[in-house]
């Protein structure tokens, strides 16, 4: 029988958003520019008391904000990624369309 690692940061699971195996540490530090992934409580509650851990690590107010936050929709995220790619490539943003003369 395999035992779970004692430190939550070293535990791993399949991420429903990324589709690959990730560690709890990734969810806390690297999943979002604003802080922990907004799905961290939803994903890890079955593995250990993630809310108690986050309360100790982040404080109760930060955990409440995290639980209230919603991830952007896939469509919204795709639009954001397309805009970032356009910016990197120097392509005009979608809101500055080139006007065409009607004939």
Protein backbone atom coordinates (compact mmCIF):
# COMPACT_ATOMS: atom_id res chain seq x y z
CA UNK A 1 0.00 0.00 0.00
CA UNK A 2 1.32 3.43 -0.96
CA UNK A 3 1.23 6.28 1.55
CA UNK A 4 0.55 9.93 0.70
CA UNK A 5 3.48 12.35 1.02
CA UNK A 6 3.38 14.28 4.29
CA UNK A 7 3.80 17.71 2.71
CA UNK A 8 0.78 18.82 0.68
CA UNK A 9 3.01 20.71 -1.78
CA UNK A 10 4.54 17.44 -3.02
CA UNK A 11 1.19 15.71 -3.67
CA UNK A 12 0.14 15.39 -7.27
CA UNK A 13 -3.04 14.82 -9.25
CA UNK A 14 -4.43 15.26 -12.75
CA UNK A 15 -5.41 18.86 -13.39
CA UNK A 16 -8.85 19.16 -15.00
CA UNK A 17 -7.91 22.48 -16.60
CA UNK A 18 -4.51 21.46 -18.00
CA UNK A 19 -5.14 17.77 -18.53
CA UNK A 20 -1.82 16.66 -17.09
CA UNK A 21 -0.32 15.62 -13.77
CA UNK A 22 0.59 18.60 -11.55
CA UNK A 23 1.64 19.11 -7.95
CA UNK A 24 -0.25 21.02 -5.28
CA UNK A 25 2.69 23.44 -5.23
CA UNK A 26 1.93 24.30 -8.88
CA UNK A 27 -1.69 25.08 -7.94
CA UNK A 28 -0.49 27.41 -5.19
CA UNK A 29 2.25 29.29 -7.02
CA UNK A 30 2.22 28.94 -10.78
CA UNK A 31 -1.33 28.35 -11.96
CA UNK A 32 -2.38 32.01 -11.90
CA UNK A 33 -0.68 35.38 -12.02
CA UNK A 34 -2.94 36.57 -9.17
CA UNK A 35 -2.07 33.74 -6.78
CA UNK A 36 -3.34 30.21 -6.28
CA UNK A 37 -5.53 28.62 -8.90
CA UNK A 38 -9.18 29.48 -8.30
CA UNK A 39 -10.04 25.75 -8.48
CA UNK A 40 -7.54 24.66 -5.81
CA UNK A 41 -10.22 23.94 -3.19
CA UNK A 42 -12.42 22.08 -5.69
CA UNK A 43 -9.57 19.88 -6.86
CA UNK A 44 -7.84 19.01 -3.59
CA UNK A 45 -10.59 18.69 -0.96
CA UNK A 46 -10.75 14.90 -1.33
CA UNK A 47 -7.00 14.47 -0.79
CA UNK A 48 -6.54 16.50 2.41
CA UNK A 49 -8.08 19.43 4.32
CA UNK A 50 -7.03 22.00 1.75
CA UNK A 51 -9.15 24.80 3.26
CA UNK A 52 -7.46 24.47 6.67
CA UNK A 53 -4.05 24.40 4.97
CA UNK A 54 -4.86 27.53 2.93
CA UNK A 55 -6.25 29.32 6.00
CA UNK A 56 -2.92 28.76 7.76
CA UNK A 57 -0.85 29.68 4.70
CA UNK A 58 -2.85 32.59 3.27
CA UNK A 59 -5.31 33.74 5.93
CA UNK A 60 -9.06 33.34 6.08
CA UNK A 61 -9.89 36.47 4.04
CA UNK A 62 -7.69 35.36 1.13
CA UNK A 63 -9.31 31.91 1.21
CA UNK A 64 -12.81 33.43 1.13
CA UNK A 65 -11.80 35.54 -1.89
CA UNK A 66 -10.28 32.50 -3.55
CA UNK A 67 -13.41 30.41 -3.02
CA UNK A 68 -15.62 33.21 -4.37
CA UNK A 69 -13.55 33.68 -7.53
CA UNK A 70 -14.56 31.99 -10.75
CA UNK A 71 -12.21 30.91 -13.51
CA UNK A 72 -12.64 32.69 -16.85
CA UNK A 73 -14.63 30.77 -19.43
CA UNK A 74 -12.68 28.84 -22.03
CA UNK A 75 -13.84 31.26 -24.73
CA UNK A 76 -12.68 34.27 -22.69
CA UNK A 77 -9.33 32.63 -22.01
CA UNK A 78 -8.86 31.79 -25.71
CA UNK A 79 -9.58 35.39 -26.71
CA UNK A 80 -7.04 36.60 -24.11
CA UNK A 81 -4.41 34.18 -25.41
CA UNK A 82 -5.05 35.23 -29.02
CA UNK A 83 -4.68 38.91 -28.07
CA UNK A 84 -1.43 38.15 -26.22
CA UNK A 85 -0.08 36.32 -29.27
CA UNK A 86 -1.08 39.20 -31.56
CA UNK A 87 0.66 41.67 -29.29
CA UNK A 88 3.84 39.58 -29.27
CA UNK A 89 3.76 39.31 -33.06
CA UNK A 90 2.95 42.98 -33.62
CA UNK A 91 -0.42 42.31 -35.26
CA UNK A 92 -3.12 44.95 -34.92
CA UNK A 93 -5.66 44.26 -32.17
CA UNK A 94 -9.05 43.01 -33.30
CA UNK A 95 -10.79 46.28 -32.35
CA UNK A 96 -8.72 48.34 -34.83
CA UNK A 97 -10.11 46.93 -38.05
CA UNK A 98 -8.94 48.22 -41.39
CA UNK A 99 -11.76 50.04 -43.12
CA UNK A 100 -12.74 48.80 -46.55
CA UNK A 101 -14.27 51.00 -49.22
CA UNK A 102 -17.57 49.74 -50.50
CA UNK A 103 -17.86 49.55 -54.25
